Amino acid sequence: MARHGGRGWYGRVIAAAVGVTAVAAATSVWTAQAGPVDEQAGASAHPSAPRTVPVSIAHASDKGPHGVNITIDDGPDPVWTPQVLQVLKENGVKATFCMVGTQAQAHPDLVKAVVAAGHRLCDHTVSHDTTMDKKAESYQSQQILDAADMITKASGGVRPQYYRAPGGAFTPYSRNLAAKQGMRPLGWNVDTKDFERPGTEAIVATVRSEVANGPTILFHDAGGDRSQTVAALRECLPWLKQQGYSFGFPVR
């Protein structure tokens, strides 16, 4: 998600993360989503991925030049994630959910629901620190690897396939670390700015005017009232279909 200031919700998440990091580090599970059977078993903390993905930040869609990727950040949230899932289901759309580790740990039922519906998981760090690129490598490692473990455990063994730095705060180190764990760094092309609650019409207008800039569209399902996001998705998904777009996942 894009960088924004004054996010009290994230301050509380960061405080909570201090108390859960040690727990997450001790409860690590590694499984490749939709991978071979021998990759579906649990393993020790932070094991290597079965294959290294590119370190470059992905923007393209696996559906090709007329595909779009719906990405949902910051959840899961018990109020808004189920509503987002319902809209996606009604439109037959699969999305990529970029989850905050503490949120996944708090709501494992929602993480499992996301996976069961055929969506993909993305590591969005433990505490959503948008200044990660200014922090020590040891801190970046803890934020990325612990979040991956928390999300994997909450999902019942399905590991994130992507890593999205909060606010786009990637570093060469964090991209390489994520890629070695099988998580492709994930960017975006269209920032709907739904986090700022500009109104449903404004969110929809942003998608319509900017989707030509690239296929990966950024929405949010946590961090506050996301009713405008839900309403905007109800309008945007059918419109994108009418324009001839197909829905896919970011390339890996």
C-alpha atoms as a PDB file:
ATOM      1  CA  MET A   1       0.000   0.000   0.000  1.00  0.00           C
ATOM      2  CA  ALA A   2       1.089   3.599  -0.467  1.00  0.00           C
ATOM      3  CA  ARG A   3       2.680   5.496   2.385  1.00  0.00           C
ATOM      4  CA  HIS A   4       0.322   7.543   4.505  1.00  0.00           C
ATOM      5  CA  GLY A   5       0.805   9.366   7.775  1.00  0.00           C
ATOM      6  CA  GLY A   6      -1.213   9.385  10.983  1.00  0.00           C
ATOM      7  CA  ARG A   7      -2.265   5.739  11.070  1.00  0.00           C
ATOM      8  CA  GLY A   8      -3.166   5.148  14.674  1.00  0.00           C
ATOM      9  CA  TRP A   9      -4.337   1.614  13.856  1.00  0.00           C
ATOM     10  CA  TYR A  10      -0.850   0.693  12.751  1.00  0.00           C
ATOM     11  CA  GLY A  11       0.630   2.146  15.909  1.00  0.00           C
ATOM     12  CA  ARG A  12      -1.465  -0.306  17.879  1.00  0.00           C
ATOM     13  CA  VAL A  13      -0.453  -3.130  15.542  1.00  0.00           C
ATOM     14  CA  ILE A  14       3.217  -2.309  15.987  1.00  0.00           C
ATOM     15  CA  ALA A  15       2.827  -2.321  19.767  1.00  0.00           C
ATOM     16  CA  ALA A  16       1.060  -5.655  19.624  1.00  0.00           C
ATOM     17  CA  ALA A  17       3.704  -7.080  17.333  1.00  0.00           C
ATOM     18  CA  VAL A  18       6.387  -6.708  20.001  1.00  0.00           C
ATOM     19  CA  GLY A  19       4.559  -9.240  22.115  1.00  0.00           C
ATOM     20  CA  VAL A  20       3.887 -11.750  19.371  1.00  0.00           C
ATOM     21  CA  THR A  21       7.208 -11.906  17.532  1.00  0.00           C
ATOM     22  CA  ALA A  22       8.715 -14.429  19.911  1.00  0.00           C
ATOM     23  CA  VAL A  23       5.631 -16.614  19.622  1.00  0.00           C
ATOM     24  CA  ALA A  24       5.669 -16.422  15.835  1.00  0.00           C
ATOM     25  CA  ALA A  25       9.312 -17.389  15.649  1.00  0.00           C
ATOM     26  CA  ALA A  26       8.599 -20.543  17.615  1.00  0.00           C
ATOM     27  CA  THR A  27       5.592 -21.642  15.595  1.00  0.00           C
ATOM     28  CA  SER A  28       6.889 -21.556  12.061  1.00  0.00           C
ATOM     29  CA  VAL A  29       5.382 -23.769   9.348  1.00  0.00           C
ATOM     30  CA  TRP A  30       6.431 -23.881   5.684  1.00  0.00           C
ATOM     31  CA  THR A  31       4.238 -25.039   2.848  1.00  0.00           C
ATOM     32  CA  ALA A  32       4.071 -24.097  -0.824  1.00  0.00           C
ATOM     33  CA  GLN A  33       0.612 -23.072  -1.949  1.00  0.00           C
ATOM     34  CA  ALA A  34      -0.711 -25.519  -4.538  1.00  0.00           C
ATOM     35  CA  GLY A  35       2.706 -27.165  -4.477  1.00  0.00           C
ATOM     36  CA  PRO A  36       3.755 -30.815  -4.655  1.00  0.00           C
ATOM     37  CA  VAL A  37       2.698 -33.138  -1.890  1.00  0.00           C
ATOM     38  CA  ASP A  38       6.142 -33.258  -0.282  1.00  0.00           C
ATOM     39  CA  GLU A  39       6.064 -29.489   0.105  1.00  0.00           C
ATOM     40  CA  GLN A  40       2.780 -29.600   2.014  1.00  0.00           C
ATOM     41  CA  ALA A  41       4.335 -30.852   5.263  1.00  0.00           C
ATOM     42  CA  GLY A  42       5.439 -28.564   8.093  1.00  0.00           C
ATOM     43  CA  ALA A  43       9.111 -27.763   8.615  1.00  0.00           C
ATOM     44  CA  SER A  44      11.463 -25.895  10.905  1.00  0.00           C
ATOM     45  CA  ALA A  45      11.671 -22.124  11.287  1.00  0.00           C
ATOM     46  CA  HIS A  46      12.325 -20.155   8.101  1.00  0.00           C
ATOM     47  CA  PRO A  47      13.332 -23.046   5.795  1.00  0.00           C
ATOM     48  CA  SER A  48      14.290 -22.332   2.227  1.00  0.00           C
ATOM     49  CA  ALA A  49      11.678 -22.211  -0.505  1.00  0.00           C
ATOM     50  CA  PRO A  50      11.634 -25.007  -3.120  1.00  0.00           C
ATOM     51  CA  ARG A  51      12.591 -22.476  -5.772  1.00  0.00           C
ATOM     52  CA  THR A  52      13.866 -18.913  -5.810  1.00  0.00           C
ATOM     53  CA  VAL A  53      11.664 -16.399  -7.604  1.00  0.00           C
ATOM     54  CA  PRO A  54      12.939 -13.211  -9.271  1.00  0.00           C
ATOM     55  CA  VAL A  55      14.012 -10.383  -6.966  1.00  0.00           C
ATOM     56  CA  SER A  56      12.508  -7.736  -9.233  1.00  0.00           C
ATOM     57  CA  ILE A  57       9.227  -6.157  -8.149  1.00  0.00           C
ATOM     58  CA  ALA A  58       6.323  -7.769  -9.984  1.00  0.00           C
ATOM     59  CA  HIS A  59       3.604  -5.695 -11.622  1.00  0.00           C
ATOM     60  CA  ALA A  60       2.484  -7.835 -14.561  1.00  0.00           C
ATOM     61  CA  SER A  61      -0.443 -10.256 -14.603  1.00  0.00           C
ATOM     62  CA  ASP A  62      -0.246 -13.939 -15.395  1.00  0.00           C
ATOM     63  CA  LYS A  63      -3.244 -13.320 -17.663  1.00  0.00           C
ATOM     64  CA  GLY A  64      -1.128 -11.318 -20.063  1.00  0.00           C
ATOM     65  CA  PRO A  65      -1.381  -7.753 -21.347  1.00  0.00           C
ATOM     66  CA  HIS A  66      -5.161  -7.512 -20.845  1.00  0.00           C
ATOM     67  CA  GLY A  67      -5.208  -9.087 -17.409  1.00  0.00           C
ATOM     68  CA  VAL A  68      -5.661  -7.327 -14.082  1.00  0.00           C
ATOM     69  CA  ASN A  69      -4.594  -8.303 -10.572  1.00  0.00           C
ATOM     70  CA  ILE A  70      -6.831  -7.384  -7.651  1.00  0.00           C
ATOM     71  CA  THR A  71      -4.739  -7.032  -4.497  1.00  0.00           C
ATOM     72  CA  ILE A  72      -6.201  -6.502  -1.022  1.00  0.00           C
ATOM     73  CA  ASP A  73      -3.953  -5.144   1.737  1.00  0.00           C
ATOM     74  CA  ASP A  74      -3.674  -4.948   5.528  1.00  0.00           C
ATOM     75  CA  GLY A  75      -6.154  -7.592   6.703  1.00  0.00           C
ATOM     76  CA  PRO A  76      -7.641  -9.885   7.453  1.00  0.00           C
ATOM     77  CA  ASP A  77     -10.354  -7.981   9.309  1.00  0.00           C
ATOM     78  CA  PRO A  78     -13.424  -9.663  10.837  1.00  0.00           C
ATOM     79  CA  VAL A  79     -15.818  -7.002   9.520  1.00  0.00           C
ATOM     80  CA  TRP A  80     -14.493  -6.186   6.064  1.00  0.00           C
ATOM     81  CA  THR A  81     -12.661  -9.263   4.801  1.00  0.00           C
ATOM     82  CA  PRO A  82     -15.833 -11.401   4.676  1.00  0.00           C
ATOM     83  CA  GLN A  83     -17.579  -8.659   2.694  1.00  0.00           C
ATOM     84  CA  VAL A  84     -14.695  -8.375   0.251  1.00  0.00           C
ATOM     85  CA  LEU A  85     -14.662 -12.148  -0.138  1.00  0.00           C
ATOM     86  CA  GLN A  86     -18.386 -12.120  -0.913  1.00  0.00           C
ATOM     87  CA  VAL A  87     -18.032  -9.466  -3.630  1.00  0.00           C
ATOM     88  CA  LEU A  88     -15.149 -11.373  -5.191  1.00  0.00           C
ATOM     89  CA  LYS A  89     -17.206 -14.578  -5.119  1.00  0.00           C
ATOM     90  CA  GLU A  90     -20.224 -12.908  -6.716  1.00  0.00           C
ATOM     91  CA  ASN A  91     -18.026 -11.739  -9.583  1.00  0.00           C
ATOM     92  CA  GLY A  92     -15.978 -14.926  -9.942  1.00  0.00           C
ATOM     93  CA  VAL A  93     -12.747 -13.060  -9.218  1.00  0.00           C
ATOM     94  CA  LYS A  94      -9.627 -14.360  -7.490  1.00  0.00           C
ATOM     95  CA  ALA A  95      -7.427 -11.874  -5.658  1.00  0.00           C
ATOM     96  CA  THR A  96      -4.149 -11.643  -3.776  1.00  0.00           C
ATOM     97  CA  PHE A  97      -4.480 -10.808  -0.074  1.00  0.00           C
ATOM     98  CA  CYS A  98      -1.455  -9.026   1.403  1.00  0.00           C
ATOM     99  CA  MET A  99      -1.779  -9.812   5.095  1.00  0.00           C
ATOM    100  CA  VAL A 100      -0.242  -8.205   8.158  1.00  0.00           C
ATOM    101  CA  GLY A 101       1.194 -10.908  10.394  1.00  0.00           C
ATOM    102  CA  THR A 102      -0.537  -9.838  13.582  1.00  0.00           C
ATOM    103  CA  GLN A 103      -3.877  -9.645  11.796  1.00  0.00           C
ATOM    104  CA  ALA A 104      -3.443 -13.133  10.360  1.00  0.00           C
ATOM    105  CA  GLN A 105      -2.498 -14.486  13.772  1.00  0.00           C
ATOM    106  CA  ALA A 106      -5.588 -12.889  15.330  1.00  0.00           C
ATOM    107  CA  HIS A 107      -7.992 -14.170  12.645  1.00  0.00           C
ATOM    108  CA  PRO A 108      -6.831 -17.573  11.378  1.00  0.00           C
ATOM    109  CA  ASP A 109     -10.377 -18.496  10.348  1.00  0.00           C
ATOM    110  CA  LEU A 110     -10.345 -15.642   7.835  1.00  0.00           C
ATOM    111  CA  VAL A 111      -6.944 -16.626   6.483  1.00  0.00           C
ATOM    112  CA  LYS A 112      -8.258 -20.137   5.920  1.00  0.00           C
ATOM    113  CA  ALA A 113     -11.388 -18.726   4.251  1.00  0.00           C
ATOM    114  CA  VAL A 114      -9.240 -16.699   1.843  1.00  0.00           C
ATOM    115  CA  VAL A 115      -7.241 -19.784   0.888  1.00  0.00           C
ATOM    116  CA  ALA A 116     -10.333 -22.009   0.624  1.00  0.00           C
ATOM    117  CA  ALA A 117     -11.858 -19.552  -1.862  1.00  0.00           C
ATOM    118  CA  GLY A 118      -8.842 -19.906  -4.156  1.00  0.00           C
ATOM    119  CA  HIS A 119      -7.151 -16.607  -3.449  1.00  0.00           C
ATOM    120  CA  ARG A 120      -3.410 -16.182  -2.928  1.00  0.00           C
ATOM    121  CA  LEU A 121      -1.516 -14.958   0.121  1.00  0.00           C
ATOM    122  CA  CYS A 122       1.080 -12.222   0.339  1.00  0.00           C
ATOM    123  CA  ASP A 123       3.407 -11.320   3.232  1.00  0.00           C
ATOM    124  CA  HIS A 124       2.857  -7.683   4.284  1.00  0.00           C
ATOM    125  CA  THR A 125       5.213  -7.860   7.326  1.00  0.00           C
ATOM    126  CA  VAL A 126       4.493  -8.276  11.022  1.00  0.00           C
ATOM    127  CA  SER A 127       3.597  -4.715  11.916  1.00  0.00           C
ATOM    128  CA  HIS A 128       3.249  -2.685   8.693  1.00  0.00           C
ATOM    129  CA  ASP A 129       6.195  -0.389   9.324  1.00  0.00           C
ATOM    130  CA  THR A 130       6.436   1.954   6.328  1.00  0.00           C
ATOM    131  CA  THR A 131       9.933   3.003   7.394  1.00  0.00           C
ATOM    132  CA  MET A 132      11.342  -0.512   7.019  1.00  0.00           C
ATOM    133  CA  ASP A 133      13.735   0.638   4.325  1.00  0.00           C
ATOM    134  CA  LYS A 134      15.452   2.828   6.940  1.00  0.00           C
ATOM    135  CA  LYS A 135      15.876  -0.011   9.441  1.00  0.00           C
ATOM    136  CA  ALA A 136      18.610  -2.581  10.033  1.00  0.00           C
ATOM    137  CA  GLU A 137      18.670  -5.743   7.953  1.00  0.00           C
ATOM    138  CA  SER A 138      18.040  -7.799  11.083  1.00  0.00           C
ATOM    139  CA  TYR A 139      14.795  -5.867  11.634  1.00  0.00           C
ATOM    140  CA  GLN A 140      13.730  -6.305   8.023  1.00  0.00           C
ATOM    141  CA  SER A 141      14.408 -10.024   8.291  1.00  0.00           C
ATOM    142  CA  GLN A 142      12.337 -10.361  11.466  1.00  0.00           C
ATOM    143  CA  GLN A 143       9.434  -8.453   9.944  1.00  0.00           C
ATOM    144  CA  ILE A 144       9.370 -10.506   6.744  1.00  0.00           C
ATOM    145  CA  LEU A 145      10.171 -13.989   8.025  1.00  0.00           C
ATOM    146  CA  ASP A 146       8.059 -13.832  11.170  1.00  0.00           C
ATOM    147  CA  ALA A 147       5.075 -12.566   9.180  1.00  0.00           C
ATOM    148  CA  ALA A 148       5.474 -15.388   6.676  1.00  0.00           C
ATOM    149  CA  ASP A 149       5.467 -17.877   9.551  1.00  0.00           C
ATOM    150  CA  MET A 150       2.424 -16.265  11.191  1.00  0.00           C
ATOM    151  CA  ILE A 151       0.429 -16.254   7.954  1.00  0.00           C
ATOM    152  CA  THR A 152       1.458 -19.817   7.135  1.00  0.00           C
ATOM    153  CA  LYS A 153       0.456 -21.081  10.563  1.00  0.00           C
ATOM    154  CA  ALA A 154      -2.866 -19.199  10.454  1.00  0.00           C
ATOM    155  CA  SER A 155      -3.650 -20.624   7.010  1.00  0.00           C
ATOM    156  CA  GLY A 156      -3.094 -24.175   8.147  1.00  0.00           C
ATOM    157  CA  GLY A 157       0.100 -24.595   6.124  1.00  0.00           C
ATOM    158  CA  VAL A 158      -0.217 -22.433   3.000  1.00  0.00           C
ATOM    159  CA  ARG A 159       2.687 -20.087   2.572  1.00  0.00           C
ATOM    160  CA  PRO A 160       2.552 -16.593   1.021  1.00  0.00           C
ATOM    161  CA  GLN A 161       3.650 -16.485  -2.605  1.00  0.00           C
ATOM    162  CA  TYR A 162       4.463 -12.769  -2.596  1.00  0.00           C
ATOM    163  CA  TYR A 163       6.005 -10.091  -0.393  1.00  0.00           C
ATOM    164  CA  ARG A 164       4.726  -6.512  -0.480  1.00  0.00           C
ATOM    165  CA  ALA A 165       6.701  -3.956   1.515  1.00  0.00           C
ATOM    166  CA  PRO A 166       4.512  -1.544   3.514  1.00  0.00           C
ATOM    167  CA  GLY A 167       4.334   1.721   1.638  1.00  0.00           C
ATOM    168  CA  GLY A 168       6.581   0.258  -1.023  1.00  0.00           C
ATOM    169  CA  ALA A 169       9.529   0.402   1.401  1.00  0.00           C
ATOM    170  CA  PHE A 170      11.553  -2.243  -0.439  1.00  0.00           C
ATOM    171  CA  THR A 171      15.310  -2.575  -0.133  1.00  0.00           C
ATOM    172  CA  PRO A 172      17.687  -4.764  -2.150  1.00  0.00           C
ATOM    173  CA  TYR A 173      18.137  -6.845   0.993  1.00  0.00           C
ATOM    174  CA  SER A 174      14.407  -7.332   1.633  1.00  0.00           C
ATOM    175  CA  ARG A 175      13.729  -8.213  -1.988  1.00  0.00           C
ATOM    176  CA  ASN A 176      16.501 -10.788  -2.040  1.00  0.00           C
ATOM    177  CA  LEU A 177      15.410 -12.250   1.290  1.00  0.00           C
ATOM    178  CA  ALA A 178      11.784 -12.596   0.165  1.00  0.00           C
ATOM    179  CA  ALA A 179      12.767 -14.086  -3.194  1.00  0.00           C
ATOM    180  CA  LYS A 180      14.954 -16.707  -1.535  1.00  0.00           C
ATOM    181  CA  GLN A 181      11.901 -17.719   0.498  1.00  0.00           C
ATOM    182  CA  GLY A 182       9.852 -18.118  -2.686  1.00  0.00           C
ATOM    183  CA  MET A 183       7.944 -14.832  -2.235  1.00  0.00           C
ATOM    184  CA  ARG A 184       8.039 -12.577  -5.290  1.00  0.00           C
ATOM    185  CA  PRO A 185       8.293  -8.883  -4.372  1.00  0.00           C
ATOM    186  CA  LEU A 186       4.965  -7.322  -5.335  1.00  0.00           C
ATOM    187  CA  GLY A 187       4.275  -3.757  -6.363  1.00  0.00           C
ATOM    188  CA  TRP A 188       1.198  -2.024  -7.719  1.00  0.00           C
ATOM    189  CA  ASN A 189       0.219   0.134 -10.688  1.00  0.00           C
ATOM    190  CA  VAL A 190      -3.065   1.644  -9.503  1.00  0.00           C
ATOM    191  CA  ASP A 191      -3.325   3.047  -5.972  1.00  0.00           C
ATOM    192  CA  THR A 192      -7.035   3.564  -5.405  1.00  0.00           C
ATOM    193  CA  LYS A 193      -6.299   5.569  -2.237  1.00  0.00           C
ATOM    194  CA  ASP A 194      -9.298   3.849  -0.685  1.00  0.00           C
ATOM    195  CA  PHE A 195      -7.446   3.997   2.635  1.00  0.00           C
ATOM    196  CA  GLU A 196      -8.167   7.722   2.713  1.00  0.00           C
ATOM    197  CA  ARG A 197     -11.905   7.110   2.221  1.00  0.00           C
ATOM    198  CA  PRO A 198     -12.265   9.621  -0.639  1.00  0.00           C
ATOM    199  CA  GLY A 199     -15.738   8.284  -1.496  1.00  0.00           C
ATOM    200  CA  THR A 200     -16.869   5.333  -3.562  1.00  0.00           C
ATOM    201  CA  GLU A 201     -17.148   7.391  -6.748  1.00  0.00           C
ATOM    202  CA  ALA A 202     -13.585   8.660  -6.385  1.00  0.00           C
ATOM    203  CA  ILE A 203     -12.224   5.137  -5.887  1.00  0.00           C
ATOM    204  CA  VAL A 204     -14.087   3.879  -8.941  1.00  0.00           C
ATOM    205  CA  ALA A 205     -12.949   6.868 -11.001  1.00  0.00           C
ATOM    206  CA  THR A 206      -9.326   6.172 -10.078  1.00  0.00           C
ATOM    207  CA  VAL A 207      -9.575   2.581 -11.266  1.00  0.00           C
ATOM    208  CA  ARG A 208     -11.236   3.581 -14.527  1.00  0.00           C
ATOM    209  CA  SER A 209      -8.734   6.313 -15.307  1.00  0.00           C
ATOM    210  CA  GLU A 210      -5.549   4.552 -14.213  1.00  0.00           C
ATOM    211  CA  VAL A 211      -5.981   0.878 -15.106  1.00  0.00           C
ATOM    212  CA  ALA A 212      -4.280   1.585 -18.424  1.00  0.00           C
ATOM    213  CA  ASN A 213      -1.139   2.352 -16.394  1.00  0.00           C
ATOM    214  CA  GLY A 214      -0.755  -1.307 -15.435  1.00  0.00           C
ATOM    215  CA  PRO A 215      -2.616  -4.339 -14.175  1.00  0.00           C
ATOM    216  CA  THR A 216      -2.050  -4.490 -10.406  1.00  0.00           C
ATOM    217  CA  ILE A 217      -4.728  -2.613  -8.476  1.00  0.00           C
ATOM    218  CA  LEU A 218      -4.420  -1.829  -4.758  1.00  0.00           C
ATOM    219  CA  PHE A 219      -7.367  -1.997  -2.349  1.00  0.00           C
ATOM    220  CA  HIS A 220      -7.597  -2.482   1.442  1.00  0.00           C
ATOM    221  CA  ASP A 221      -9.751  -4.645   3.707  1.00  0.00           C
ATOM    222  CA  ALA A 222      -8.553  -3.402   7.112  1.00  0.00           C
ATOM    223  CA  GLY A 223      -7.302  -0.358   8.990  1.00  0.00           C
ATOM    224  CA  GLY A 224     -10.671   1.327   9.392  1.00  0.00           C
ATOM    225  CA  ASP A 225     -14.071   1.624   7.737  1.00  0.00           C
ATOM    226  CA  ARG A 226     -13.745  -0.117   4.370  1.00  0.00           C
ATOM    227  CA  SER A 227     -17.374   0.235   3.290  1.00  0.00           C
ATOM    228  CA  GLN A 228     -16.325   2.488   0.405  1.00  0.00           C
ATOM    229  CA  THR A 229     -13.897  -0.174  -0.779  1.00  0.00           C
ATOM    230  CA  VAL A 230     -16.581  -2.855  -0.740  1.00  0.00           C
ATOM    231  CA  ALA A 231     -18.957  -0.596  -2.661  1.00  0.00           C
ATOM    232  CA  ALA A 232     -16.243   0.350  -5.149  1.00  0.00           C
ATOM    233  CA  LEU A 233     -15.378  -3.292  -5.797  1.00  0.00           C
ATOM    234  CA  ARG A 234     -19.047  -3.971  -6.581  1.00  0.00           C
ATOM    235  CA  GLU A 235     -18.810  -1.385  -9.347  1.00  0.00           C
ATOM    236  CA  CYS A 236     -15.244  -1.903 -10.550  1.00  0.00           C
ATOM    237  CA  LEU A 237     -15.224  -5.667 -11.043  1.00  0.00           C
ATOM    238  CA  PRO A 238     -18.178  -5.782 -13.483  1.00  0.00           C
ATOM    239  CA  TRP A 239     -16.848  -2.700 -15.276  1.00  0.00           C
ATOM    240  CA  LEU A 240     -13.430  -4.279 -15.749  1.00  0.00           C
ATOM    241  CA  LYS A 241     -15.092  -7.363 -17.212  1.00  0.00           C
ATOM    242  CA  GLN A 242     -17.100  -5.184 -19.576  1.00  0.00           C
ATOM    243  CA  GLN A 243     -13.861  -3.598 -20.783  1.00  0.00           C
ATOM    244  CA  GLY A 244     -12.557  -7.032 -21.694  1.00  0.00           C
ATOM    245  CA  TYR A 245     -10.130  -7.482 -18.815  1.00  0.00           C
ATOM    246  CA  SER A 246      -9.556 -10.905 -17.295  1.00  0.00           C
ATOM    247  CA  PHE A 247      -8.604 -11.404 -13.666  1.00  0.00           C
ATOM    248  CA  GLY A 248      -5.369 -13.120 -12.755  1.00  0.00           C
ATOM    249  CA  PHE A 249      -2.558 -13.187 -10.243  1.00  0.00           C
ATOM    250  CA  PRO A 250       0.701 -11.255 -10.266  1.00  0.00           C
ATOM    251  CA  VAL A 251       3.481 -13.033 -12.111  1.00  0.00           C
ATOM    252  CA  ARG A 252       5.982 -14.995 -10.059  1.00  0.00           C
END
